[in-house]
Every structure is written in C-alpha cells, then in structure tokens.
Amino acid sequence: MKYSELKKILSKNGCYLHNEGGNHETWYSPISGNKFPIGRHNSKEVPTGTANGILKQAGIKKER
C-alpha cells in the first residue's frame, strides 16, 4: 500500500490532517482521539508494520 492509499483509508474513516511539519504530517482520529505522524512519501510503499501501527493508532484496525 502506498502512503497516498493509506491517507485515503484514513480520510474515509473520519481522520483528517491536523498539522504539517517538515517531513511528516500530523493526522487526527476522532475514533481514537489520537494524533499520529504520517510520512509525506505519497508515491512510496508503506512498510507493513508502519501501516498497521498507523491504522491501530487511528482506531481503524483492532489489536490482536
């Protein structure tokens, strides 16, 4: 999955861009109430562990 695809999933679940920094964006999830960083590498692949961690922080993916 690419960063751009991950951001689309987050947006569809109500998450939104909270702040922009140098190399990362800070997103907010109303589901979990968390703010979390996402890299600005839209055309690059997200490592699987990173994608899963972001989705867990957003409250979209349940922990096992």
PDB file of N, CA and C in Angstrom:
ATOM      1  N   MET A   1       0.850  -1.162   0.000  1.00  0.00           N
ATOM      2  CA  MET A   1       0.000   0.000   0.000  1.00  0.00           C
ATOM      3  C   MET A   1       0.907   1.239   0.000  1.00  0.00           C
ATOM      4  N   LYS A   2       0.520   2.217  -0.773  1.00  0.00           N
ATOM      5  CA  LYS A   2       1.268   3.476  -0.839  1.00  0.00           C
ATOM      6  C   LYS A   2       0.734   4.440   0.219  1.00  0.00           C
ATOM      7  N   TYR A   3       1.556   5.433   0.567  1.00  0.00           N
ATOM      8  CA  TYR A   3       1.131   6.420   1.560  1.00  0.00           C
ATOM      9  C   TYR A   3      -0.150   7.113   1.121  1.00  0.00           C
ATOM     10  N   SER A   4      -0.285   7.392  -0.165  1.00  0.00           N
ATOM     11  CA  SER A   4      -1.497   8.070  -0.649  1.00  0.00           C
ATOM     12  C   SER A   4      -2.737   7.199  -0.430  1.00  0.00           C
ATOM     13  N   GLU A   5      -2.603   5.881  -0.595  1.00  0.00           N
ATOM     14  CA  GLU A   5      -3.729   4.965  -0.364  1.00  0.00           C
ATOM     15  C   GLU A   5      -4.082   4.909   1.120  1.00  0.00           C
ATOM     16  N   LEU A   6      -3.055   4.903   1.969  1.00  0.00           N
ATOM     17  CA  LEU A   6      -3.276   4.890   3.416  1.00  0.00           C
ATOM     18  C   LEU A   6      -4.037   6.141   3.849  1.00  0.00           C
ATOM     19  N   LYS A   7      -3.668   7.288   3.293  1.00  0.00           N
ATOM     20  CA  LYS A   7      -4.335   8.538   3.644  1.00  0.00           C
ATOM     21  C   LYS A   7      -5.795   8.535   3.195  1.00  0.00           C
ATOM     22  N   LYS A   8      -6.088   7.891   2.063  1.00  0.00           N
ATOM     23  CA  LYS A   8      -7.478   7.776   1.605  1.00  0.00           C
ATOM     24  C   LYS A   8      -8.289   6.935   2.580  1.00  0.00           C
ATOM     25  N   ILE A   9      -7.708   5.834   3.075  1.00  0.00           N
ATOM     26  CA  ILE A   9      -8.393   4.977   4.052  1.00  0.00           C
ATOM     27  C   ILE A   9      -8.677   5.766   5.325  1.00  0.00           C
ATOM     28  N   LEU A  10      -7.683   6.513   5.770  1.00  0.00           N
ATOM     29  CA  LEU A  10      -7.867   7.315   6.982  1.00  0.00           C
ATOM     30  C   LEU A  10      -8.976   8.346   6.784  1.00  0.00           C
ATOM     31  N   SER A  11      -8.961   9.029   5.645  1.00  0.00           N
ATOM     32  CA  SER A  11      -9.977  10.053   5.359  1.00  0.00           C
ATOM     33  C   SER A  11     -11.383   9.459   5.325  1.00  0.00           C
ATOM     34  N   LYS A  12     -11.520   8.280   4.729  1.00  0.00           N
ATOM     35  CA  LYS A  12     -12.833   7.633   4.649  1.00  0.00           C
ATOM     36  C   LYS A  12     -13.370   7.261   6.023  1.00  0.00           C
ATOM     37  N   ASN A  13     -12.463   7.107   6.994  1.00  0.00           N
ATOM     38  CA  ASN A  13     -12.853   6.745   8.355  1.00  0.00           C
ATOM     39  C   ASN A  13     -12.929   7.956   9.282  1.00  0.00           C
ATOM     40  N   GLY A  14     -12.941   9.149   8.716  1.00  0.00           N
ATOM     41  CA  GLY A  14     -13.146  10.359   9.501  1.00  0.00           C
ATOM     42  C   GLY A  14     -11.879  11.031  10.006  1.00  0.00           C
ATOM     43  N   CYS A  15     -10.714  10.466   9.723  1.00  0.00           N
ATOM     44  CA  CYS A  15      -9.459  11.088  10.153  1.00  0.00           C
ATOM     45  C   CYS A  15      -9.145  12.264   9.230  1.00  0.00           C
ATOM     46  N   TYR A  16      -8.390  13.221   9.753  1.00  0.00           N
ATOM     47  CA  TYR A  16      -8.048  14.374   8.929  1.00  0.00           C
ATOM     48  C   TYR A  16      -6.674  14.922   9.291  1.00  0.00           C
ATOM     49  N   LEU A  17      -6.114  15.668   8.353  1.00  0.00           N
ATOM     50  CA  LEU A  17      -4.815  16.300   8.520  1.00  0.00           C
ATOM     51  C   LEU A  17      -4.931  17.378   9.589  1.00  0.00           C
ATOM     52  N   HIS A  18      -4.119  17.276  10.615  1.00  0.00           N
ATOM     53  CA  HIS A  18      -4.162  18.233  11.719  1.00  0.00           C
ATOM     54  C   HIS A  18      -3.093  19.307  11.571  1.00  0.00           C
ATOM     55  N   ASN A  19      -1.889  18.907  11.130  1.00  0.00           N
ATOM     56  CA  ASN A  19      -0.777  19.838  11.051  1.00  0.00           C
ATOM     57  C   ASN A  19       0.252  19.302  10.053  1.00  0.00           C
ATOM     58  N   GLU A  20       1.003  20.203   9.423  1.00  0.00           N
ATOM     59  CA  GLU A  20       2.058  19.793   8.504  1.00  0.00           C
ATOM     60  C   GLU A  20       3.404  20.220   9.069  1.00  0.00           C
ATOM     61  N   GLY A  21       4.345  19.278   9.086  1.00  0.00           N
ATOM     62  CA  GLY A  21       5.692  19.564   9.553  1.00  0.00           C
ATOM     63  C   GLY A  21       6.668  19.436   8.403  1.00  0.00           C
ATOM     64  N   GLY A  22       7.949  19.286   8.713  1.00  0.00           N
ATOM     65  CA  GLY A  22       8.976  19.193   7.686  1.00  0.00           C
ATOM     66  C   GLY A  22       8.850  17.954   6.821  1.00  0.00           C
ATOM     67  N   ASN A  23       8.969  16.788   7.420  1.00  0.00           N
ATOM     68  CA  ASN A  23       8.926  15.538   6.661  1.00  0.00           C
ATOM     69  C   ASN A  23       7.678  14.713   6.936  1.00  0.00           C
ATOM     70  N   HIS A  24       6.882  15.134   7.914  1.00  0.00           N
ATOM     71  CA  HIS A  24       5.701  14.370   8.286  1.00  0.00           C
ATOM     72  C   HIS A  24       4.482  15.282   8.395  1.00  0.00           C
ATOM     73  N   GLU A  25       3.339  14.649   8.272  1.00  0.00           N
ATOM     74  CA  GLU A  25       2.067  15.312   8.538  1.00  0.00           C
ATOM     75  C   GLU A  25       1.544  14.729   9.839  1.00  0.00           C
ATOM     76  N   THR A  26       0.841  15.522  10.611  1.00  0.00           N
ATOM     77  CA  THR A  26       0.195  15.014  11.815  1.00  0.00           C
ATOM     78  C   THR A  26      -1.293  14.885  11.514  1.00  0.00           C
ATOM     79  N   TRP A  27      -1.817  13.691  11.703  1.00  0.00           N
ATOM     80  CA  TRP A  27      -3.227  13.414  11.460  1.00  0.00           C
ATOM     81  C   TRP A  27      -3.934  13.204  12.795  1.00  0.00           C
ATOM     82  N   TYR A  28      -5.238  13.450  12.805  1.00  0.00           N
ATOM     83  CA  TYR A  28      -6.062  13.266  13.994  1.00  0.00           C
ATOM     84  C   TYR A  28      -7.175  12.282  13.684  1.00  0.00           C
ATOM     85  N   SER A  29      -7.428  11.383  14.644  1.00  0.00           N
ATOM     86  CA  SER A  29      -8.515  10.418  14.507  1.00  0.00           C
ATOM     87  C   SER A  29      -9.587  10.689  15.555  1.00  0.00           C
ATOM     88  N   PRO A  30     -10.807  11.019  15.129  1.00  0.00           N
ATOM     89  CA  PRO A  30     -11.890  11.205  16.095  1.00  0.00           C
ATOM     90  C   PRO A  30     -12.339   9.872  16.709  1.00  0.00           C
ATOM     91  N   ILE A  31     -11.990   8.763  16.082  1.00  0.00           N
ATOM     92  CA  ILE A  31     -12.359   7.440  16.602  1.00  0.00           C
ATOM     93  C   ILE A  31     -11.581   7.168  17.890  1.00  0.00           C
ATOM     94  N   SER A  32     -10.255   7.366  17.830  1.00  0.00           N
ATOM     95  CA  SER A  32      -9.403   7.060  18.980  1.00  0.00           C
ATOM     96  C   SER A  32      -9.030   8.300  19.788  1.00  0.00           C
ATOM     97  N   GLY A  33      -9.181   9.474  19.205  1.00  0.00           N
ATOM     98  CA  GLY A  33      -8.769  10.700  19.871  1.00  0.00           C
ATOM     99  C   GLY A  33      -7.266  10.926  19.823  1.00  0.00           C
ATOM    100  N   ASN A  34      -6.553  10.151  18.998  1.00  0.00           N
ATOM    101  CA  ASN A  34      -5.096  10.241  18.894  1.00  0.00           C
ATOM    102  C   ASN A  34      -4.658  11.122  17.739  1.00  0.00           C
ATOM    103  N   LYS A  35      -3.490  11.739  17.930  1.00  0.00           N
ATOM    104  CA  LYS A  35      -2.779  12.407  16.838  1.00  0.00           C
ATOM    105  C   LYS A  35      -1.574  11.529  16.528  1.00  0.00           C
ATOM    106  N   PHE A  36      -1.254  11.375  15.245  1.00  0.00           N
ATOM    107  CA  PHE A  36      -0.156  10.491  14.861  1.00  0.00           C
ATOM    108  C   PHE A  36       0.504  11.005  13.593  1.00  0.00           C
ATOM    109  N   PRO A  37       1.824  10.762  13.449  1.00  0.00           N
ATOM    110  CA  PRO A  37       2.549  11.237  12.268  1.00  0.00           C
ATOM    111  C   PRO A  37       2.444  10.268  11.101  1.00  0.00           C
ATOM    112  N   ILE A  38       2.441  10.826   9.906  1.00  0.00           N
ATOM    113  CA  ILE A  38       2.493  10.040   8.670  1.00  0.00           C
ATOM    114  C   ILE A  38       3.493  10.720   7.752  1.00  0.00           C
ATOM    115  N   GLY A  39       4.366   9.930   7.152  1.00  0.00           N
ATOM    116  CA  GLY A  39       5.365  10.476   6.235  1.00  0.00           C
ATOM    117  C   GLY A  39       4.724  11.079   4.994  1.00  0.00           C
ATOM    118  N   ARG A  40       5.451  11.968   4.352  1.00  0.00           N
ATOM    119  CA  ARG A  40       4.947  12.633   3.151  1.00  0.00           C
ATOM    120  C   ARG A  40       5.459  11.966   1.881  1.00  0.00           C
ATOM    121  N   HIS A  41       5.591  10.685   1.876  1.00  0.00           N
ATOM    122  CA  HIS A  41       6.158   9.959   0.739  1.00  0.00           C
ATOM    123  C   HIS A  41       5.025   9.325  -0.064  1.00  0.00           C
ATOM    124  N   ASN A  42       4.124  10.136  -0.599  1.00  0.00           N
ATOM    125  CA  ASN A  42       2.878   9.639  -1.189  1.00  0.00           C
ATOM    126  C   ASN A  42       3.047   8.527  -2.207  1.00  0.00           C
ATOM    127  N   SER A  43       4.095   8.560  -3.016  1.00  0.00           N
ATOM    128  CA  SER A  43       4.228   7.556  -4.072  1.00  0.00           C
ATOM    129  C   SER A  43       5.015   6.326  -3.608  1.00  0.00           C
ATOM    130  N   LYS A  44       5.539   6.335  -2.383  1.00  0.00           N
ATOM    131  CA  LYS A  44       6.313   5.203  -1.877  1.00  0.00           C
ATOM    132  C   LYS A  44       5.427   4.224  -1.127  1.00  0.00           C
ATOM    133  N   GLU A  45       5.900   2.986  -1.053  1.00  0.00           N
ATOM    134  CA  GLU A  45       5.191   1.947  -0.312  1.00  0.00           C
ATOM    135  C   GLU A  45       5.386   2.150   1.193  1.00  0.00           C
ATOM    136  N   VAL A  46       4.332   1.922   1.944  1.00  0.00           N
ATOM    137  CA  VAL A  46       4.403   1.987   3.403  1.00  0.00           C
ATOM    138  C   VAL A  46       4.806   0.599   3.895  1.00  0.00           C
ATOM    139  N   PRO A  47       5.842   0.491   4.730  1.00  0.00           N
ATOM    140  CA  PRO A  47       6.154  -0.821   5.305  1.00  0.00           C
ATOM    141  C   PRO A  47       4.931  -1.370   6.044  1.00  0.00           C
ATOM    142  N   THR A  48       4.710  -2.664   5.966  1.00  0.00           N
ATOM    143  CA  THR A  48       3.514  -3.282   6.535  1.00  0.00           C
ATOM    144  C   THR A  48       3.350  -2.963   8.012  1.00  0.00           C
ATOM    145  N   GLY A  49       4.420  -3.061   8.786  1.00  0.00           N
ATOM    146  CA  GLY A  49       4.339  -2.776  10.217  1.00  0.00           C
ATOM    147  C   GLY A  49       3.966  -1.333  10.496  1.00  0.00           C
ATOM    148  N   THR A  50       4.478  -0.422   9.674  1.00  0.00           N
ATOM    149  CA  THR A  50       4.170   1.002   9.829  1.00  0.00           C
ATOM    150  C   THR A  50       2.694   1.254   9.529  1.00  0.00           C
ATOM    151  N   ALA A  51       2.203   0.681   8.447  1.00  0.00           N
ATOM    152  CA  ALA A  51       0.793   0.856   8.080  1.00  0.00           C
ATOM    153  C   ALA A  51      -0.121   0.305   9.167  1.00  0.00           C
ATOM    154  N   ASN A  52       0.204  -0.886   9.678  1.00  0.00           N
ATOM    155  CA  ASN A  52      -0.614  -1.477  10.733  1.00  0.00           C
ATOM    156  C   ASN A  52      -0.593  -0.620  11.994  1.00  0.00           C
ATOM    157  N   GLY A  53       0.578  -0.080  12.337  1.00  0.00           N
ATOM    158  CA  GLY A  53       0.686   0.776  13.511  1.00  0.00           C
ATOM    159  C   GLY A  53      -0.141   2.042  13.379  1.00  0.00           C
ATOM    160  N   ILE A  54      -0.112   2.643  12.207  1.00  0.00           N
ATOM    161  CA  ILE A  54      -0.893   3.858  11.970  1.00  0.00           C
ATOM    162  C   ILE A  54      -2.386   3.553  12.057  1.00  0.00           C
ATOM    163  N   LEU A  55      -2.812   2.457  11.456  1.00  0.00           N
ATOM    164  CA  LEU A  55      -4.232   2.096  11.496  1.00  0.00           C
ATOM    165  C   LEU A  55      -4.689   1.779  12.920  1.00  0.00           C
ATOM    166  N   LYS A  56      -3.816   1.176  13.730  1.00  0.00           N
ATOM    167  CA  LYS A  56      -4.150   0.901  15.128  1.00  0.00           C
ATOM    168  C   LYS A  56      -4.263   2.201  15.917  1.00  0.00           C
ATOM    169  N   GLN A  57      -3.320   3.136  15.683  1.00  0.00           N
ATOM    170  CA  GLN A  57      -3.379   4.427  16.376  1.00  0.00           C
ATOM    171  C   GLN A  57      -4.644   5.191  16.014  1.00  0.00           C
ATOM    172  N   ALA A  58      -5.083   5.002  14.778  1.00  0.00           N
ATOM    173  CA  ALA A  58      -6.304   5.680  14.319  1.00  0.00           C
ATOM    174  C   ALA A  58      -7.571   5.004  14.810  1.00  0.00           C
ATOM    175  N   GLY A  59      -7.453   3.805  15.383  1.00  0.00           N
ATOM    176  CA  GLY A  59      -8.622   3.086  15.874  1.00  0.00           C
ATOM    177  C   GLY A  59      -9.373   2.347  14.780  1.00  0.00           C
ATOM    178  N   ILE A  60      -8.741   2.188  13.608  1.00  0.00           N
ATOM    179  CA  ILE A  60      -9.392   1.530  12.474  1.00  0.00           C
ATOM    180  C   ILE A  60      -9.130   0.032  12.519  1.00  0.00           C
ATOM    181  N   LYS A  61      -7.926  -0.349  12.905  1.00  0.00           N
ATOM    182  CA  LYS A  61      -7.557  -1.759  12.978  1.00  0.00           C
ATOM    183  C   LYS A  61      -7.416  -2.158  14.436  1.00  0.00           C
ATOM    184  N   LYS A  62      -8.036  -3.256  14.794  1.00  0.00           N
ATOM    185  CA  LYS A  62      -8.003  -3.730  16.171  1.00  0.00           C
ATOM    186  C   LYS A  62      -6.690  -4.442  16.457  1.00  0.00           C
ATOM    187  N   GLU A  63      -6.201  -4.297  17.690  1.00  0.00           N
ATOM    188  CA  GLU A  63      -5.013  -5.037  18.099  1.00  0.00           C
ATOM    189  C   GLU A  63      -5.407  -6.471  18.386  1.00  0.00           C
ATOM    190  N   ARG A  64      -4.469  -7.368  18.163  1.00  0.00           N
ATOM    191  CA  ARG A  64      -4.756  -8.789  18.396  1.00  0.00           C
ATOM    192  C   ARG A  64      -4.398  -9.174  19.784  1.00  0.00           C
TER     193      ARG A  64
END
